Amino acid sequence: DLYLYQGKESEAQKVYRQGLENHPDHLFLIEALSASLMLGGRWEENEELLVNALEKNERLQGNPSLQLVFLDRLALTLQQLQKTDQMRFVIREYHQRNDPMLVNRMFSMEEQLLFPLTSSKVGPEWLFLPEAAVEGVE
């Protein structure tokens, strides 16, 4: 990252690529290399990097926020390459994964309402909350 901050994108890219050779699924190396490629205007390489990461990286499935970052960057990259149809497809995918209704369901209160704190036999001490937060809960 120091090379990148000093404006030495080619040196930064070299280090990121070496890191990816040793750790091909490292998401933050992919993210850093993508950022560097975008700064350098190397859109074709960035497209290849992001498409491969989105298609093949299993770790990315468990990281929806980074998936959105990669999809957003891929859409911008495709726009720069004037690949309009592919860009529209990626934008649709981005919006489907960034649907607020889906996100709300993931963090819904339904389960908490089905098993309220007061009916728990374990007691509020198992919630790892500060004492003040559970005062008055019996």
C-alpha atoms as a PDB file:
ATOM      1  CA  ASP A   1       0.000   0.000   0.000  1.00  0.00           C
ATOM      2  CA  LEU A   2       2.923   2.348   0.594  1.00  0.00           C
ATOM      3  CA  TYR A   3       3.851   2.164  -3.081  1.00  0.00           C
ATOM      4  CA  LEU A   4       0.274   2.971  -4.019  1.00  0.00           C
ATOM      5  CA  TYR A   5       0.162   5.991  -1.695  1.00  0.00           C
ATOM      6  CA  GLN A   6       3.466   7.217  -3.130  1.00  0.00           C
ATOM      7  CA  GLY A   7       1.995   7.083  -6.633  1.00  0.00           C
ATOM      8  CA  LYS A   8       4.051   4.057  -7.697  1.00  0.00           C
ATOM      9  CA  GLU A   9       1.178   1.989  -9.076  1.00  0.00           C
ATOM     10  CA  SER A  10       3.369  -0.391 -11.077  1.00  0.00           C
ATOM     11  CA  GLU A  11       5.416  -1.290  -7.982  1.00  0.00           C
ATOM     12  CA  ALA A  12       2.244  -1.719  -5.932  1.00  0.00           C
ATOM     13  CA  GLN A  13       0.725  -3.949  -8.616  1.00  0.00           C
ATOM     14  CA  LYS A  14       3.873  -6.059  -8.672  1.00  0.00           C
ATOM     15  CA  VAL A  15       3.670  -6.620  -4.895  1.00  0.00           C
ATOM     16  CA  TYR A  16      -0.074  -7.376  -5.046  1.00  0.00           C
ATOM     17  CA  ARG A  17       0.446  -9.884  -7.868  1.00  0.00           C
ATOM     18  CA  GLN A  18       3.221 -11.637  -5.921  1.00  0.00           C
ATOM     19  CA  GLY A  19       0.907 -11.839  -2.931  1.00  0.00           C
ATOM     20  CA  LEU A  20      -1.871 -13.282  -5.085  1.00  0.00           C
ATOM     21  CA  GLU A  21       0.493 -15.930  -6.450  1.00  0.00           C
ATOM     22  CA  ASN A  22       1.016 -17.145  -2.880  1.00  0.00           C
ATOM     23  CA  HIS A  23      -2.566 -16.524  -1.713  1.00  0.00           C
ATOM     24  CA  PRO A  24      -4.858 -16.534  -4.781  1.00  0.00           C
ATOM     25  CA  ASP A  25      -8.073 -16.275  -2.735  1.00  0.00           C
ATOM     26  CA  HIS A  26      -6.985 -13.353  -0.549  1.00  0.00           C
ATOM     27  CA  LEU A  27      -9.869 -10.907  -1.017  1.00  0.00           C
ATOM     28  CA  PHE A  28      -8.072  -7.812   0.205  1.00  0.00           C
ATOM     29  CA  LEU A  29      -5.158  -8.394  -2.187  1.00  0.00           C
ATOM     30  CA  ILE A  30      -7.692  -8.687  -5.018  1.00  0.00           C
ATOM     31  CA  GLU A  31      -9.381  -5.491  -3.826  1.00  0.00           C
ATOM     32  CA  ALA A  32      -6.066  -3.625  -3.572  1.00  0.00           C
ATOM     33  CA  LEU A  33      -4.868  -4.780  -6.998  1.00  0.00           C
ATOM     34  CA  SER A  34      -8.211  -3.792  -8.502  1.00  0.00           C
ATOM     35  CA  ALA A  35      -7.953  -0.302  -6.999  1.00  0.00           C
ATOM     36  CA  SER A  36      -4.431   0.078  -8.338  1.00  0.00           C
ATOM     37  CA  LEU A  37      -5.410  -1.115 -11.817  1.00  0.00           C
ATOM     38  CA  MET A  38      -8.278   1.359 -11.877  1.00  0.00           C
ATOM     39  CA  LEU A  39      -5.987   4.224 -10.874  1.00  0.00           C
ATOM     40  CA  GLY A  40      -3.634   3.251 -13.680  1.00  0.00           C
ATOM     41  CA  GLY A  41      -6.453   2.949 -16.236  1.00  0.00           C
ATOM     42  CA  ARG A  42      -5.691  -0.718 -16.896  1.00  0.00           C
ATOM     43  CA  TRP A  43      -9.325  -1.614 -17.474  1.00  0.00           C
ATOM     44  CA  GLU A  44      -8.865  -4.903 -19.366  1.00  0.00           C
ATOM     45  CA  GLU A  45      -6.714  -6.368 -16.595  1.00  0.00           C
ATOM     46  CA  ASN A  46      -9.152  -5.133 -13.974  1.00  0.00           C
ATOM     47  CA  GLU A  47     -12.063  -6.750 -15.817  1.00  0.00           C
ATOM     48  CA  GLU A  48     -10.250 -10.097 -15.909  1.00  0.00           C
ATOM     49  CA  LEU A  49      -9.299  -9.862 -12.226  1.00  0.00           C
ATOM     50  CA  LEU A  50     -12.817  -9.002 -11.050  1.00  0.00           C
ATOM     51  CA  VAL A  51     -14.616 -11.511 -13.276  1.00  0.00           C
ATOM     52  CA  ASN A  52     -12.327 -14.294 -12.053  1.00  0.00           C
ATOM     53  CA  ALA A  53     -12.783 -13.243  -8.430  1.00  0.00           C
ATOM     54  CA  LEU A  54     -16.568 -13.080  -8.705  1.00  0.00           C
ATOM     55  CA  GLU A  55     -16.828 -16.414 -10.526  1.00  0.00           C
ATOM     56  CA  LYS A  56     -14.258 -18.539  -8.724  1.00  0.00           C
ATOM     57  CA  ASN A  57     -13.604 -17.186  -5.257  1.00  0.00           C
ATOM     58  CA  GLU A  58     -15.534 -19.208  -2.675  1.00  0.00           C
ATOM     59  CA  ARG A  59     -14.550 -16.869   0.166  1.00  0.00           C
ATOM     60  CA  LEU A  60     -16.391 -14.081  -1.586  1.00  0.00           C
ATOM     61  CA  GLN A  61     -19.698 -15.911  -1.059  1.00  0.00           C
ATOM     62  CA  GLY A  62     -19.424 -15.251   2.665  1.00  0.00           C
ATOM     63  CA  ASN A  63     -18.592 -11.585   2.218  1.00  0.00           C
ATOM     64  CA  PRO A  64     -21.582  -9.833   0.617  1.00  0.00           C
ATOM     65  CA  SER A  65     -20.219  -6.326   1.174  1.00  0.00           C
ATOM     66  CA  LEU A  66     -17.025  -7.092  -0.752  1.00  0.00           C
ATOM     67  CA  GLN A  67     -19.121  -8.761  -3.466  1.00  0.00           C
ATOM     68  CA  LEU A  68     -20.921  -5.448  -3.892  1.00  0.00           C
ATOM     69  CA  VAL A  69     -17.617  -3.562  -4.079  1.00  0.00           C
ATOM     70  CA  PHE A  70     -16.366  -5.924  -6.786  1.00  0.00           C
ATOM     71  CA  LEU A  71     -19.638  -5.706  -8.745  1.00  0.00           C
ATOM     72  CA  ASP A  72     -19.575  -1.914  -8.525  1.00  0.00           C
ATOM     73  CA  ARG A  73     -15.985  -1.788  -9.765  1.00  0.00           C
ATOM     74  CA  LEU A  74     -16.742  -4.261 -12.537  1.00  0.00           C
ATOM     75  CA  ALA A  75     -19.657  -2.103 -13.721  1.00  0.00           C
ATOM     76  CA  LEU A  76     -17.394   0.958 -13.835  1.00  0.00           C
ATOM     77  CA  THR A  77     -14.692  -1.029 -15.626  1.00  0.00           C
ATOM     78  CA  LEU A  78     -17.152  -2.287 -18.242  1.00  0.00           C
ATOM     79  CA  GLN A  79     -18.421   1.258 -18.729  1.00  0.00           C
ATOM     80  CA  GLN A  80     -14.853   2.423 -19.392  1.00  0.00           C
ATOM     81  CA  LEU A  81     -14.428  -0.419 -21.888  1.00  0.00           C
ATOM     82  CA  GLN A  82     -17.761   0.556 -23.515  1.00  0.00           C
ATOM     83  CA  LYS A  83     -19.244  -2.905 -22.939  1.00  0.00           C
ATOM     84  CA  THR A  84     -22.738  -1.593 -22.337  1.00  0.00           C
ATOM     85  CA  ASP A  85     -24.691  -4.865 -22.373  1.00  0.00           C
ATOM     86  CA  GLN A  86     -22.349  -6.554 -19.920  1.00  0.00           C
ATOM     87  CA  MET A  87     -22.369  -3.442 -17.741  1.00  0.00           C
ATOM     88  CA  ARG A  88     -26.181  -3.518 -17.539  1.00  0.00           C
ATOM     89  CA  PHE A  89     -26.107  -7.168 -16.522  1.00  0.00           C
ATOM     90  CA  VAL A  90     -23.588  -6.435 -13.752  1.00  0.00           C
ATOM     91  CA  ILE A  91     -25.608  -3.440 -12.531  1.00  0.00           C
ATOM     92  CA  ARG A  92     -28.722  -5.645 -12.350  1.00  0.00           C
ATOM     93  CA  GLU A  93     -26.773  -8.207 -10.349  1.00  0.00           C
ATOM     94  CA  TYR A  94     -25.511  -5.446  -8.057  1.00  0.00           C
ATOM     95  CA  HIS A  95     -29.028  -4.163  -7.384  1.00  0.00           C
ATOM     96  CA  GLN A  96     -30.402  -7.657  -6.779  1.00  0.00           C
ATOM     97  CA  ARG A  97     -27.730  -8.336  -4.176  1.00  0.00           C
ATOM     98  CA  ASN A  98     -28.134  -4.874  -2.666  1.00  0.00           C
ATOM     99  CA  ASP A  99     -31.920  -5.136  -2.286  1.00  0.00           C
ATOM    100  CA  PRO A 100     -32.865  -3.474   1.018  1.00  0.00           C
ATOM    101  CA  MET A 101     -35.736  -5.906   1.560  1.00  0.00           C
ATOM    102  CA  LEU A 102     -33.340  -8.851   1.413  1.00  0.00           C
ATOM    103  CA  VAL A 103     -30.911  -7.164   3.777  1.00  0.00           C
ATOM    104  CA  ASN A 104     -33.730  -6.389   6.203  1.00  0.00           C
ATOM    105  CA  ARG A 105     -34.824 -10.023   6.204  1.00  0.00           C
ATOM    106  CA  MET A 106     -31.302 -11.135   7.030  1.00  0.00           C
ATOM    107  CA  PHE A 107     -31.314  -9.036  10.200  1.00  0.00           C
ATOM    108  CA  SER A 108     -34.989  -9.405  11.029  1.00  0.00           C
ATOM    109  CA  MET A 109     -36.396  -9.341  14.525  1.00  0.00           C
ATOM    110  CA  GLU A 110     -38.771 -12.260  13.842  1.00  0.00           C
ATOM    111  CA  GLU A 111     -36.594 -14.830  15.570  1.00  0.00           C
ATOM    112  CA  GLN A 112     -36.066 -12.550  18.535  1.00  0.00           C
ATOM    113  CA  LEU A 113     -39.818 -11.991  18.807  1.00  0.00           C
ATOM    114  CA  LEU A 114     -40.479 -15.736  18.696  1.00  0.00           C
ATOM    115  CA  PHE A 115     -38.095 -16.321  21.594  1.00  0.00           C
ATOM    116  CA  PRO A 116     -38.365 -13.257  23.831  1.00  0.00           C
ATOM    117  CA  LEU A 117     -35.809 -12.625  26.507  1.00  0.00           C
ATOM    118  CA  THR A 118     -38.336 -12.956  29.329  1.00  0.00           C
ATOM    119  CA  SER A 119     -39.220 -16.557  28.452  1.00  0.00           C
ATOM    120  CA  SER A 120     -35.608 -17.676  28.189  1.00  0.00           C
ATOM    121  CA  LYS A 121     -34.643 -20.268  30.803  1.00  0.00           C
ATOM    122  CA  VAL A 122     -30.980 -19.381  30.409  1.00  0.00           C
ATOM    123  CA  GLY A 123     -31.337 -15.829  31.602  1.00  0.00           C
ATOM    124  CA  PRO A 124     -30.175 -12.470  30.337  1.00  0.00           C
ATOM    125  CA  GLU A 125     -26.580 -13.023  31.476  1.00  0.00           C
ATOM    126  CA  TRP A 126     -26.051 -15.227  28.409  1.00  0.00           C
ATOM    127  CA  LEU A 127     -26.731 -12.360  26.064  1.00  0.00           C
ATOM    128  CA  PHE A 128     -23.371 -10.730  26.824  1.00  0.00           C
ATOM    129  CA  LEU A 129     -25.041  -7.362  27.307  1.00  0.00           C
ATOM    130  CA  PRO A 130     -24.044  -4.754  29.861  1.00  0.00           C
ATOM    131  CA  GLU A 131     -25.983  -4.946  33.128  1.00  0.00           C
ATOM    132  CA  ALA A 132     -27.767  -1.644  32.435  1.00  0.00           C
ATOM    133  CA  ALA A 133     -29.164  -2.998  29.163  1.00  0.00           C
ATOM    134  CA  VAL A 134     -30.898  -5.950  30.822  1.00  0.00           C
ATOM    135  CA  GLU A 135     -32.126  -4.289  34.015  1.00  0.00           C
ATOM    136  CA  GLY A 136     -35.762  -5.016  34.686  1.00  0.00           C
ATOM    137  CA  VAL A 137     -35.783  -8.131  32.504  1.00  0.00           C
ATOM    138  CA  GLU A 138     -36.961 -11.120  34.501  1.00  0.00           C
END
